[in-house]
Amino acid sequence: MESVIHEDKTFENVNYTEKVIKGREFQTCKFSKCDFSNSDFSYNKFLDCRFESCNLSMMKLKAVTLNNAVFTHCKIMGVNFMDCMDFLFSVQFESCILDYASFMGKKMVKTRFVKTSLKEVNFSQTNLSGSLFQETDMSGAIFSQTDLTAANLTNAFNYALDPELNIIKKAVFSAHGLPGLLGKYNIKII
């Protein structure tokens, strides 16, 4: 399979829906208003790329390299990020819909989730130490053996996580988040 390298390119309004694209490397590229829904981009590399107002729902990412990938105003529902390469994996999300995605087992130290919907997202066995969850809706998000050391959840809402099953040392929570931490004890907080 011949590799194709794209450097410093802008892809705008491109429709990749249900297409299979393999053997590509994208370096410092920008994707704007592109539709990747139900596409298969397995075995590609995205290095220092930006995705703006794109639909990446149900995109397949087996063995994909995502290094310093930034997503803003994107719809990324049902994407299985755990299939991505672990080496150099780093992503940031702002004003995105990431519902039903999975980051299970990923190392995501200092990841930023800003004004992002994280409903039903699987963070089991994920290292999120030092991460920021700012104005994020975490309804039904799954936390099991998750490392949230020094994570900032002061503006996150609708989360439920068990402090006995997760690492929360030096994590920062607000008082309005107490029900999400103590829910398993079936107590009332007034």
N, C-alpha and C. Protein backbone atom coordinates (compact mmCIF):
# COMPACT_ATOMS: atom_id res chain seq x y z
N MET A 1 0.85 -1.18 0.00
CA MET A 1 0.00 0.00 0.00
C MET A 1 0.90 1.24 0.00
N GLU A 2 0.68 2.10 -0.96
CA GLU A 2 1.47 3.31 -1.09
C GLU A 2 0.96 4.39 -0.15
N SER A 3 1.87 5.04 0.54
CA SER A 3 1.50 6.09 1.48
C SER A 3 1.41 7.44 0.77
N VAL A 4 0.40 8.22 1.13
CA VAL A 4 0.22 9.56 0.58
C VAL A 4 0.33 10.54 1.74
N ILE A 5 1.15 11.58 1.56
CA ILE A 5 1.35 12.56 2.63
C ILE A 5 0.77 13.91 2.20
N HIS A 6 -0.06 14.47 3.09
CA HIS A 6 -0.64 15.80 2.88
C HIS A 6 -0.08 16.71 3.96
N GLU A 7 0.54 17.83 3.56
CA GLU A 7 1.09 18.77 4.52
C GLU A 7 0.47 20.14 4.33
N ASP A 8 0.12 20.77 5.45
CA ASP A 8 -0.38 22.16 5.46
C ASP A 8 -1.52 22.39 4.46
N LYS A 9 -2.42 21.44 4.36
CA LYS A 9 -3.55 21.58 3.43
C LYS A 9 -4.83 21.85 4.20
N THR A 10 -5.77 22.51 3.53
CA THR A 10 -7.10 22.72 4.09
C THR A 10 -8.10 21.94 3.26
N PHE A 11 -8.89 21.13 3.94
CA PHE A 11 -9.96 20.35 3.31
C PHE A 11 -11.27 20.95 3.79
N GLU A 12 -12.06 21.48 2.86
CA GLU A 12 -13.30 22.15 3.24
C GLU A 12 -14.48 21.54 2.49
N ASN A 13 -15.56 21.27 3.25
CA ASN A 13 -16.81 20.73 2.70
C ASN A 13 -16.60 19.44 1.91
N VAL A 14 -15.64 18.60 2.33
CA VAL A 14 -15.40 17.33 1.66
C VAL A 14 -16.30 16.26 2.29
N ASN A 15 -16.94 15.46 1.46
CA ASN A 15 -17.83 14.41 1.95
C ASN A 15 -17.12 13.05 1.86
N TYR A 16 -16.74 12.52 3.02
CA TYR A 16 -16.09 11.21 3.10
C TYR A 16 -17.07 10.14 3.58
N THR A 17 -18.36 10.45 3.65
CA THR A 17 -19.36 9.54 4.20
C THR A 17 -19.23 8.14 3.60
N GLU A 18 -19.09 7.15 4.50
CA GLU A 18 -19.02 5.73 4.17
C GLU A 18 -17.86 5.36 3.25
N LYS A 19 -16.86 6.24 3.11
CA LYS A 19 -15.70 5.94 2.27
C LYS A 19 -14.62 5.27 3.10
N VAL A 20 -13.77 4.49 2.44
CA VAL A 20 -12.62 3.85 3.07
C VAL A 20 -11.37 4.56 2.55
N ILE A 21 -10.64 5.19 3.47
CA ILE A 21 -9.42 5.93 3.12
C ILE A 21 -8.29 5.36 3.98
N LYS A 22 -7.26 4.82 3.36
CA LYS A 22 -6.15 4.23 4.11
C LYS A 22 -4.81 4.68 3.54
N GLY A 23 -3.77 4.56 4.37
CA GLY A 23 -2.42 4.84 3.92
C GLY A 23 -2.12 6.32 3.71
N ARG A 24 -2.78 7.18 4.47
CA ARG A 24 -2.55 8.62 4.32
C ARG A 24 -1.94 9.18 5.60
N GLU A 25 -1.16 10.22 5.42
CA GLU A 25 -0.63 10.95 6.56
C GLU A 25 -0.96 12.42 6.35
N PHE A 26 -1.59 13.00 7.37
CA PHE A 26 -2.00 14.40 7.32
C PHE A 26 -1.19 15.16 8.37
N GLN A 27 -0.38 16.13 7.93
CA GLN A 27 0.45 16.91 8.84
C GLN A 27 0.02 18.37 8.79
N THR A 28 -0.29 18.93 9.95
CA THR A 28 -0.74 20.32 10.09
C THR A 28 -1.82 20.67 9.06
N CYS A 29 -2.78 19.78 8.91
CA CYS A 29 -3.90 20.01 8.00
C CYS A 29 -5.12 20.50 8.77
N LYS A 30 -6.00 21.18 8.07
CA LYS A 30 -7.24 21.66 8.66
C LYS A 30 -8.40 21.06 7.87
N PHE A 31 -9.37 20.50 8.62
CA PHE A 31 -10.59 19.96 8.04
C PHE A 31 -11.74 20.83 8.52
N SER A 32 -12.44 21.46 7.59
CA SER A 32 -13.53 22.36 7.94
C SER A 32 -14.82 21.93 7.26
N LYS A 33 -15.87 21.72 8.07
CA LYS A 33 -17.20 21.34 7.57
C LYS A 33 -17.16 20.08 6.71
N CYS A 34 -16.31 19.13 7.06
CA CYS A 34 -16.22 17.86 6.34
C CYS A 34 -17.11 16.82 7.01
N ASP A 35 -17.61 15.90 6.22
CA ASP A 35 -18.46 14.82 6.74
C ASP A 35 -17.71 13.50 6.66
N PHE A 36 -17.31 12.98 7.82
CA PHE A 36 -16.61 11.71 7.93
C PHE A 36 -17.54 10.60 8.43
N SER A 37 -18.84 10.86 8.54
CA SER A 37 -19.74 9.90 9.19
C SER A 37 -19.70 8.53 8.51
N ASN A 38 -19.60 7.51 9.35
CA ASN A 38 -19.56 6.11 8.92
C ASN A 38 -18.41 5.80 7.97
N SER A 39 -17.36 6.62 7.98
CA SER A 39 -16.20 6.36 7.13
C SER A 39 -15.21 5.46 7.85
N ASP A 40 -14.26 4.94 7.10
CA ASP A 40 -13.20 4.11 7.68
C ASP A 40 -11.85 4.74 7.34
N PHE A 41 -11.25 5.38 8.34
CA PHE A 41 -9.95 6.02 8.17
C PHE A 41 -8.86 5.24 8.91
N SER A 42 -9.05 3.95 9.05
CA SER A 42 -8.08 3.11 9.75
C SER A 42 -6.72 3.19 9.08
N TYR A 43 -5.68 3.08 9.90
CA TYR A 43 -4.28 3.04 9.45
C TYR A 43 -3.81 4.35 8.81
N ASN A 44 -4.36 5.47 9.26
CA ASN A 44 -3.91 6.79 8.81
C ASN A 44 -3.26 7.52 9.97
N LYS A 45 -2.58 8.63 9.66
CA LYS A 45 -1.95 9.46 10.69
C LYS A 45 -2.45 10.90 10.55
N PHE A 46 -2.83 11.47 11.69
CA PHE A 46 -3.22 12.87 11.77
C PHE A 46 -2.30 13.54 12.79
N LEU A 47 -1.37 14.35 12.31
CA LEU A 47 -0.38 14.98 13.16
C LEU A 47 -0.60 16.49 13.15
N ASP A 48 -0.87 17.07 14.32
CA ASP A 48 -1.09 18.51 14.45
C ASP A 48 -2.22 19.00 13.53
N CYS A 49 -3.30 18.25 13.49
CA CYS A 49 -4.44 18.60 12.62
C CYS A 49 -5.58 19.21 13.43
N ARG A 50 -6.37 20.04 12.74
CA ARG A 50 -7.55 20.68 13.34
C ARG A 50 -8.79 20.23 12.57
N PHE A 51 -9.83 19.92 13.33
CA PHE A 51 -11.13 19.57 12.76
C PHE A 51 -12.12 20.60 13.27
N GLU A 52 -12.76 21.33 12.35
CA GLU A 52 -13.70 22.38 12.74
C GLU A 52 -15.05 22.15 12.06
N SER A 53 -16.09 22.08 12.88
CA SER A 53 -17.46 21.90 12.39
C SER A 53 -17.60 20.69 11.48
N CYS A 54 -16.95 19.60 11.87
CA CYS A 54 -17.01 18.36 11.09
C CYS A 54 -17.93 17.35 11.76
N ASN A 55 -18.45 16.41 10.96
CA ASN A 55 -19.23 15.29 11.48
C ASN A 55 -18.36 14.05 11.36
N LEU A 56 -17.93 13.52 12.52
CA LEU A 56 -17.10 12.32 12.53
C LEU A 56 -17.83 11.15 13.17
N SER A 57 -19.14 11.21 13.25
CA SER A 57 -19.92 10.18 13.94
C SER A 57 -19.72 8.81 13.30
N MET A 58 -19.48 7.83 14.16
CA MET A 58 -19.30 6.43 13.79
C MET A 58 -18.09 6.19 12.87
N MET A 59 -17.15 7.10 12.89
CA MET A 59 -15.93 6.97 12.09
C MET A 59 -15.07 5.85 12.68
N LYS A 60 -14.51 5.01 11.82
CA LYS A 60 -13.64 3.92 12.28
C LYS A 60 -12.20 4.42 12.28
N LEU A 61 -11.49 4.17 13.42
CA LEU A 61 -10.15 4.70 13.61
C LEU A 61 -9.15 3.63 14.04
N LYS A 62 -9.26 2.43 13.50
CA LYS A 62 -8.36 1.35 13.90
C LYS A 62 -6.92 1.70 13.51
N ALA A 63 -6.03 1.63 14.50
CA ALA A 63 -4.60 1.88 14.33
C ALA A 63 -4.30 3.27 13.75
N VAL A 64 -5.16 4.23 14.03
CA VAL A 64 -4.95 5.61 13.59
C VAL A 64 -4.07 6.34 14.60
N THR A 65 -3.16 7.17 14.11
CA THR A 65 -2.36 8.02 14.97
C THR A 65 -3.05 9.37 15.05
N LEU A 66 -3.41 9.77 16.25
CA LEU A 66 -3.96 11.11 16.50
C LEU A 66 -2.98 11.80 17.45
N ASN A 67 -2.16 12.67 16.91
CA ASN A 67 -1.19 13.39 17.70
C ASN A 67 -1.48 14.88 17.62
N ASN A 68 -1.81 15.45 18.77
CA ASN A 68 -2.16 16.87 18.86
C ASN A 68 -3.31 17.22 17.90
N ALA A 69 -4.35 16.40 17.94
CA ALA A 69 -5.54 16.64 17.12
C ALA A 69 -6.52 17.49 17.92
N VAL A 70 -6.99 18.57 17.32
CA VAL A 70 -7.89 19.50 17.99
C VAL A 70 -9.23 19.49 17.26
N PHE A 71 -10.30 19.28 18.03
CA PHE A 71 -11.65 19.21 17.48
C PHE A 71 -12.48 20.35 18.07
N THR A 72 -13.07 21.20 17.22
CA THR A 72 -13.94 22.26 17.69
C THR A 72 -15.25 22.21 16.91
N HIS A 73 -16.35 22.34 17.64
CA HIS A 73 -17.70 22.34 17.06
C HIS A 73 -17.95 21.11 16.19
N CYS A 74 -17.45 19.96 16.62
CA CYS A 74 -17.61 18.73 15.85
C CYS A 74 -18.61 17.78 16.51
N LYS A 75 -19.23 16.97 15.68
CA LYS A 75 -20.12 15.90 16.13
C LYS A 75 -19.32 14.60 15.96
N ILE A 76 -19.05 13.94 17.10
CA ILE A 76 -18.16 12.77 17.10
C ILE A 76 -18.83 11.63 17.87
N MET A 77 -20.05 11.35 17.55
CA MET A 77 -20.84 10.37 18.31
C MET A 77 -20.45 8.94 17.95
N GLY A 78 -20.33 8.10 18.99
CA GLY A 78 -20.12 6.67 18.80
C GLY A 78 -18.75 6.28 18.28
N VAL A 79 -17.76 7.15 18.39
CA VAL A 79 -16.43 6.84 17.88
C VAL A 79 -15.63 6.09 18.95
N ASN A 80 -14.95 5.03 18.52
CA ASN A 80 -14.18 4.19 19.43
C ASN A 80 -12.70 4.61 19.37
N PHE A 81 -12.34 5.57 20.21
CA PHE A 81 -10.96 6.06 20.24
C PHE A 81 -10.00 5.03 20.82
N MET A 82 -10.52 4.01 21.50
CA MET A 82 -9.61 3.01 22.07
C MET A 82 -8.90 2.21 20.98
N ASP A 83 -9.42 2.26 19.75
CA ASP A 83 -8.77 1.57 18.63
C ASP A 83 -7.59 2.34 18.07
N CYS A 84 -7.43 3.62 18.46
CA CYS A 84 -6.32 4.44 17.97
C CYS A 84 -5.00 3.96 18.57
N MET A 85 -3.93 4.30 17.89
CA MET A 85 -2.59 3.99 18.38
C MET A 85 -2.37 4.71 19.71
N ASP A 86 -1.77 4.02 20.67
CA ASP A 86 -1.48 4.64 21.96
C ASP A 86 -0.32 5.62 21.86
N PHE A 87 0.66 5.30 21.04
CA PHE A 87 1.87 6.13 20.93
C PHE A 87 1.51 7.51 20.39
N LEU A 88 1.88 8.54 21.11
CA LEU A 88 1.66 9.95 20.75
C LEU A 88 0.19 10.38 20.77
N PHE A 89 -0.71 9.57 21.31
CA PHE A 89 -2.14 9.91 21.31
C PHE A 89 -2.37 11.17 22.14
N SER A 90 -2.86 12.23 21.50
CA SER A 90 -3.25 13.43 22.23
C SER A 90 -4.32 14.17 21.43
N VAL A 91 -5.40 14.51 22.14
CA VAL A 91 -6.56 15.15 21.53
C VAL A 91 -7.08 16.25 22.45
N GLN A 92 -7.81 17.20 21.88
CA GLN A 92 -8.47 18.27 22.64
C GLN A 92 -9.84 18.47 22.00
N PHE A 93 -10.83 18.80 22.83
CA PHE A 93 -12.20 18.97 22.34
C PHE A 93 -12.80 20.26 22.89
N GLU A 94 -13.40 21.05 22.01
CA GLU A 94 -14.12 22.24 22.44
C GLU A 94 -15.43 22.35 21.67
N SER A 95 -16.52 22.51 22.43
CA SER A 95 -17.87 22.65 21.86
C SER A 95 -18.21 21.49 20.93
N CYS A 96 -17.91 20.28 21.38
CA CYS A 96 -18.17 19.08 20.58
C CYS A 96 -19.26 18.21 21.21
N ILE A 97 -19.83 17.34 20.41
CA ILE A 97 -20.74 16.31 20.90
C ILE A 97 -20.00 14.98 20.74
N LEU A 98 -19.59 14.41 21.88
CA LEU A 98 -18.83 13.17 21.90
C LEU A 98 -19.64 12.01 22.47
N ASP A 99 -20.95 12.14 22.51
CA ASP A 99 -21.81 11.14 23.13
C ASP A 99 -21.53 9.74 22.57
N TYR A 100 -21.57 8.76 23.48
CA TYR A 100 -21.42 7.33 23.17
C TYR A 100 -20.03 6.96 22.64
N ALA A 101 -19.05 7.83 22.78
CA ALA A 101 -17.68 7.51 22.36
C ALA A 101 -17.01 6.67 23.44
N SER A 102 -15.88 6.06 23.10
CA SER A 102 -15.13 5.27 24.07
C SER A 102 -13.65 5.65 24.02
N PHE A 103 -13.11 5.91 25.22
CA PHE A 103 -11.69 6.18 25.39
C PHE A 103 -11.08 5.11 26.30
N MET A 104 -11.72 3.99 26.41
CA MET A 104 -11.31 2.94 27.34
C MET A 104 -9.83 2.60 27.18
N GLY A 105 -9.11 2.69 28.32
CA GLY A 105 -7.71 2.30 28.36
C GLY A 105 -6.73 3.30 27.78
N LYS A 106 -7.18 4.47 27.36
CA LYS A 106 -6.28 5.45 26.75
C LYS A 106 -5.54 6.27 27.81
N LYS A 107 -4.35 6.71 27.47
CA LYS A 107 -3.60 7.64 28.29
C LYS A 107 -3.86 9.02 27.72
N MET A 108 -4.56 9.86 28.49
CA MET A 108 -5.01 11.17 28.02
C MET A 108 -4.67 12.25 29.04
N VAL A 109 -3.45 12.28 29.46
CA VAL A 109 -3.00 13.24 30.47
C VAL A 109 -3.18 14.67 29.95
N LYS A 110 -3.75 15.52 30.79
CA LYS A 110 -3.96 16.94 30.50
C LYS A 110 -4.82 17.20 29.26
N THR A 111 -5.78 16.34 29.02
CA THR A 111 -6.71 16.55 27.90
C THR A 111 -7.75 17.59 28.28
N ARG A 112 -8.10 18.45 27.34
CA ARG A 112 -9.10 19.50 27.57
C ARG A 112 -10.42 19.11 26.91
N PHE A 113 -11.46 19.10 27.73
CA PHE A 113 -12.84 18.93 27.26
C PHE A 113 -13.56 20.21 27.67
N VAL A 114 -13.84 21.09 26.72
CA VAL A 114 -14.44 22.39 27.03
C VAL A 114 -15.79 22.49 26.32
N LYS A 115 -16.85 22.79 27.10
CA LYS A 115 -18.21 22.95 26.56
C LYS A 115 -18.58 21.78 25.64
N THR A 116 -18.31 20.58 26.12
CA THR A 116 -18.48 19.38 25.31
C THR A 116 -19.46 18.42 25.97
N SER A 117 -20.28 17.78 25.16
CA SER A 117 -21.22 16.77 25.66
C SER A 117 -20.52 15.42 25.68
N LEU A 118 -20.47 14.81 26.87
CA LEU A 118 -19.80 13.52 27.06
C LEU A 118 -20.80 12.47 27.58
N LYS A 119 -22.01 12.49 27.07
CA LYS A 119 -23.05 11.57 27.54
C LYS A 119 -22.71 10.14 27.15
N GLU A 120 -22.76 9.25 28.16
CA GLU A 120 -22.54 7.81 27.97
C GLU A 120 -21.14 7.48 27.45
N VAL A 121 -20.18 8.38 27.62
CA VAL A 121 -18.80 8.11 27.17
C VAL A 121 -18.13 7.14 28.13
N ASN A 122 -17.37 6.19 27.59
CA ASN A 122 -16.68 5.20 28.40
C ASN A 122 -15.25 5.66 28.67
N PHE A 123 -14.97 5.97 29.95
CA PHE A 123 -13.64 6.36 30.39
C PHE A 123 -13.02 5.28 31.27
N SER A 124 -13.48 4.05 31.18
CA SER A 124 -12.94 2.97 32.00
C SER A 124 -11.45 2.78 31.73
N GLN A 125 -10.68 2.65 32.81
CA GLN A 125 -9.24 2.39 32.76
C GLN A 125 -8.47 3.46 31.97
N THR A 126 -9.02 4.66 31.90
CA THR A 126 -8.39 5.77 31.18
C THR A 126 -7.59 6.63 32.15
N ASN A 127 -6.44 7.08 31.72
CA ASN A 127 -5.63 8.00 32.52
C ASN A 127 -5.97 9.42 32.09
N LEU A 128 -6.75 10.12 32.90
CA LEU A 128 -7.18 11.49 32.64
C LEU A 128 -6.55 12.46 33.63
N SER A 129 -5.41 12.08 34.19
CA SER A 129 -4.79 12.94 35.20
C SER A 129 -4.47 14.31 34.61
N GLY A 130 -4.77 15.33 35.40
CA GLY A 130 -4.53 16.71 35.00
C GLY A 130 -5.46 17.23 33.91
N SER A 131 -6.48 16.48 33.57
CA SER A 131 -7.40 16.90 32.50
C SER A 131 -8.40 17.94 32.99
N LEU A 132 -8.93 18.69 32.06
CA LEU A 132 -9.91 19.74 32.36
C LEU A 132 -11.25 19.37 31.74
N PHE A 133 -12.29 19.38 32.57
CA PHE A 133 -13.67 19.17 32.12
C PHE A 133 -14.42 20.45 32.43
N GLN A 134 -14.47 21.36 31.48
CA GLN A 134 -15.07 22.68 31.69
C GLN A 134 -16.41 22.75 30.97
N GLU A 135 -17.47 22.95 31.77
CA GLU A 135 -18.83 23.05 31.24
C GLU A 135 -19.17 21.83 30.37
N THR A 136 -18.85 20.64 30.90
CA THR A 136 -19.12 19.40 30.18
C THR A 136 -20.28 18.66 30.83
N ASP A 137 -21.16 18.13 29.98
CA ASP A 137 -22.28 17.30 30.44
C ASP A 137 -21.83 15.85 30.38
N MET A 138 -21.77 15.20 31.55
CA MET A 138 -21.24 13.85 31.65
C MET A 138 -22.31 12.84 32.05
N SER A 139 -23.55 13.08 31.63
CA SER A 139 -24.66 12.17 31.97
C SER A 139 -24.34 10.75 31.51
N GLY A 140 -24.34 9.82 32.43
CA GLY A 140 -24.14 8.41 32.10
C GLY A 140 -22.72 8.03 31.72
N ALA A 141 -21.77 8.95 31.84
CA ALA A 141 -20.37 8.63 31.53
C ALA A 141 -19.88 7.54 32.48
N ILE A 142 -19.08 6.63 31.96
CA ILE A 142 -18.62 5.48 32.73
C ILE A 142 -17.19 5.72 33.22
N PHE A 143 -17.03 5.66 34.55
CA PHE A 143 -15.73 5.79 35.18
C PHE A 143 -15.50 4.53 36.01
N SER A 144 -14.52 3.73 35.64
CA SER A 144 -14.16 2.53 36.38
C SER A 144 -12.65 2.34 36.24
N GLN A 145 -11.96 2.35 37.38
CA GLN A 145 -10.50 2.28 37.40
C GLN A 145 -9.90 3.41 36.55
N THR A 146 -10.53 4.57 36.62
CA THR A 146 -10.09 5.75 35.87
C THR A 146 -9.19 6.60 36.76
N ASP A 147 -8.09 7.09 36.20
CA ASP A 147 -7.18 7.95 36.94
C ASP A 147 -7.55 9.40 36.67
N LEU A 148 -8.12 10.06 37.68
CA LEU A 148 -8.50 11.46 37.59
C LEU A 148 -7.63 12.32 38.51
N THR A 149 -6.41 11.88 38.78
CA THR A 149 -5.50 12.62 39.64
C THR A 149 -5.35 14.06 39.13
N ALA A 150 -5.62 15.01 40.00
CA ALA A 150 -5.48 16.45 39.70
C ALA A 150 -6.34 16.91 38.52
N ALA A 151 -7.36 16.16 38.17
CA ALA A 151 -8.29 16.60 37.12
C ALA A 151 -9.18 17.71 37.67
N ASN A 152 -9.65 18.58 36.80
CA ASN A 152 -10.51 19.69 37.20
C ASN A 152 -11.92 19.44 36.68
N LEU A 153 -12.84 19.14 37.60
CA LEU A 153 -14.24 18.91 37.25
C LEU A 153 -15.14 19.95 37.91
N THR A 154 -14.61 21.12 38.24
CA THR A 154 -15.40 22.12 38.96
C THR A 154 -16.61 22.61 38.17
N ASN A 155 -16.52 22.66 36.87
CA ASN A 155 -17.64 23.11 36.05
C ASN A 155 -18.32 21.99 35.29
N ALA A 156 -17.93 20.75 35.54
CA ALA A 156 -18.58 19.60 34.91
C ALA A 156 -19.89 19.33 35.63
N PHE A 157 -20.83 18.70 34.94
CA PHE A 157 -22.10 18.41 35.59
C PHE A 157 -22.66 17.08 35.10
N ASN A 158 -23.59 16.55 35.90
CA ASN A 158 -24.30 15.28 35.63
C ASN A 158 -23.38 14.06 35.65
N TYR A 159 -22.24 14.15 36.32
CA TYR A 159 -21.39 12.97 36.41
C TYR A 159 -21.73 12.16 37.64
N ALA A 160 -21.41 10.88 37.57
CA ALA A 160 -21.53 9.98 38.72
C ALA A 160 -20.31 9.08 38.69
N LEU A 161 -19.45 9.23 39.69
CA LEU A 161 -18.28 8.37 39.75
C LEU A 161 -18.03 7.94 41.18
N ASP A 162 -17.58 6.73 41.32
CA ASP A 162 -17.35 6.14 42.63
C ASP A 162 -15.90 6.40 43.04
N PRO A 163 -15.69 7.19 44.12
CA PRO A 163 -14.32 7.48 44.57
C PRO A 163 -13.55 6.22 45.00
N GLU A 164 -14.26 5.14 45.30
CA GLU A 164 -13.59 3.92 45.71
C GLU A 164 -13.12 3.09 44.52
N LEU A 165 -13.65 3.35 43.34
CA LEU A 165 -13.28 2.59 42.15
C LEU A 165 -12.40 3.38 41.19
N ASN A 166 -12.11 4.63 41.54
CA ASN A 166 -11.34 5.51 40.68
C ASN A 166 -10.31 6.27 41.50
N ILE A 167 -9.28 6.78 40.85
CA ILE A 167 -8.25 7.55 41.53
C ILE A 167 -8.61 9.02 41.39
N ILE A 168 -8.90 9.68 42.51
CA ILE A 168 -9.31 11.09 42.45
C ILE A 168 -8.42 11.99 43.33
N LYS A 169 -7.24 11.52 43.66
CA LYS A 169 -6.33 12.30 44.49
C LYS A 169 -6.04 13.66 43.84
N LYS A 170 -6.22 14.71 44.62
CA LYS A 170 -5.98 16.09 44.21
C LYS A 170 -6.89 16.56 43.06
N ALA A 171 -7.91 15.79 42.73
CA ALA A 171 -8.89 16.25 41.73
C ALA A 171 -9.72 17.37 42.36
N VAL A 172 -10.22 18.26 41.53
CA VAL A 172 -10.97 19.41 42.02
C VAL A 172 -12.42 19.29 41.58
N PHE A 173 -13.33 19.35 42.58
CA PHE A 173 -14.77 19.27 42.34
C PHE A 173 -15.42 20.48 43.01
N SER A 174 -16.58 20.86 42.54
CA SER A 174 -17.33 21.93 43.21
C SER A 174 -18.36 21.30 44.12
N ALA A 175 -18.92 22.09 45.00
CA ALA A 175 -19.94 21.59 45.93
C ALA A 175 -21.15 21.05 45.19
N HIS A 176 -21.51 21.64 44.04
CA HIS A 176 -22.68 21.13 43.31
C HIS A 176 -22.42 19.75 42.70
N GLY A 177 -21.16 19.30 42.68
CA GLY A 177 -20.83 17.99 42.15
C GLY A 177 -20.85 16.87 43.18
N LEU A 178 -21.07 17.23 44.45
CA LEU A 178 -21.07 16.20 45.51
C LEU A 178 -22.04 15.06 45.26
N PRO A 179 -23.26 15.33 44.78
CA PRO A 179 -24.15 14.19 44.52
C PRO A 179 -23.55 13.18 43.54
N GLY A 180 -22.77 13.64 42.59
CA GLY A 180 -22.13 12.74 41.63
C GLY A 180 -21.04 11.88 42.24
N LEU A 181 -20.49 12.32 43.36
CA LEU A 181 -19.45 11.56 44.05
C LEU A 181 -20.02 10.65 45.14
N LEU A 182 -21.16 11.06 45.69
CA LEU A 182 -21.71 10.32 46.84
C LEU A 182 -23.00 9.56 46.50
N GLY A 183 -23.38 9.54 45.25
CA GLY A 183 -24.64 8.92 44.84
C GLY A 183 -24.83 7.47 45.26
N LYS A 184 -23.77 6.72 45.30
CA LYS A 184 -23.87 5.28 45.64
C LYS A 184 -24.30 5.07 47.11
N TYR A 185 -24.13 6.11 47.94
CA TYR A 185 -24.47 5.97 49.36
C TYR A 185 -25.93 6.27 49.64
N ASN A 186 -26.69 6.67 48.62
CA ASN A 186 -28.12 6.93 48.74
C ASN A 186 -28.43 7.91 49.90
N ILE A 187 -27.69 9.01 49.92
CA ILE A 187 -27.90 10.02 50.94
C ILE A 187 -28.41 11.30 50.28
N LYS A 188 -29.05 12.16 51.08
CA LYS A 188 -29.53 13.43 50.58
C LYS A 188 -28.55 14.52 50.95
N ILE A 189 -28.23 15.37 49.96
CA ILE A 189 -27.36 16.50 50.20
C ILE A 189 -28.17 17.77 49.97
N ILE A 190 -28.20 18.62 51.01
CA ILE A 190 -29.04 19.83 50.92
C ILE A 190 -28.15 21.06 50.89
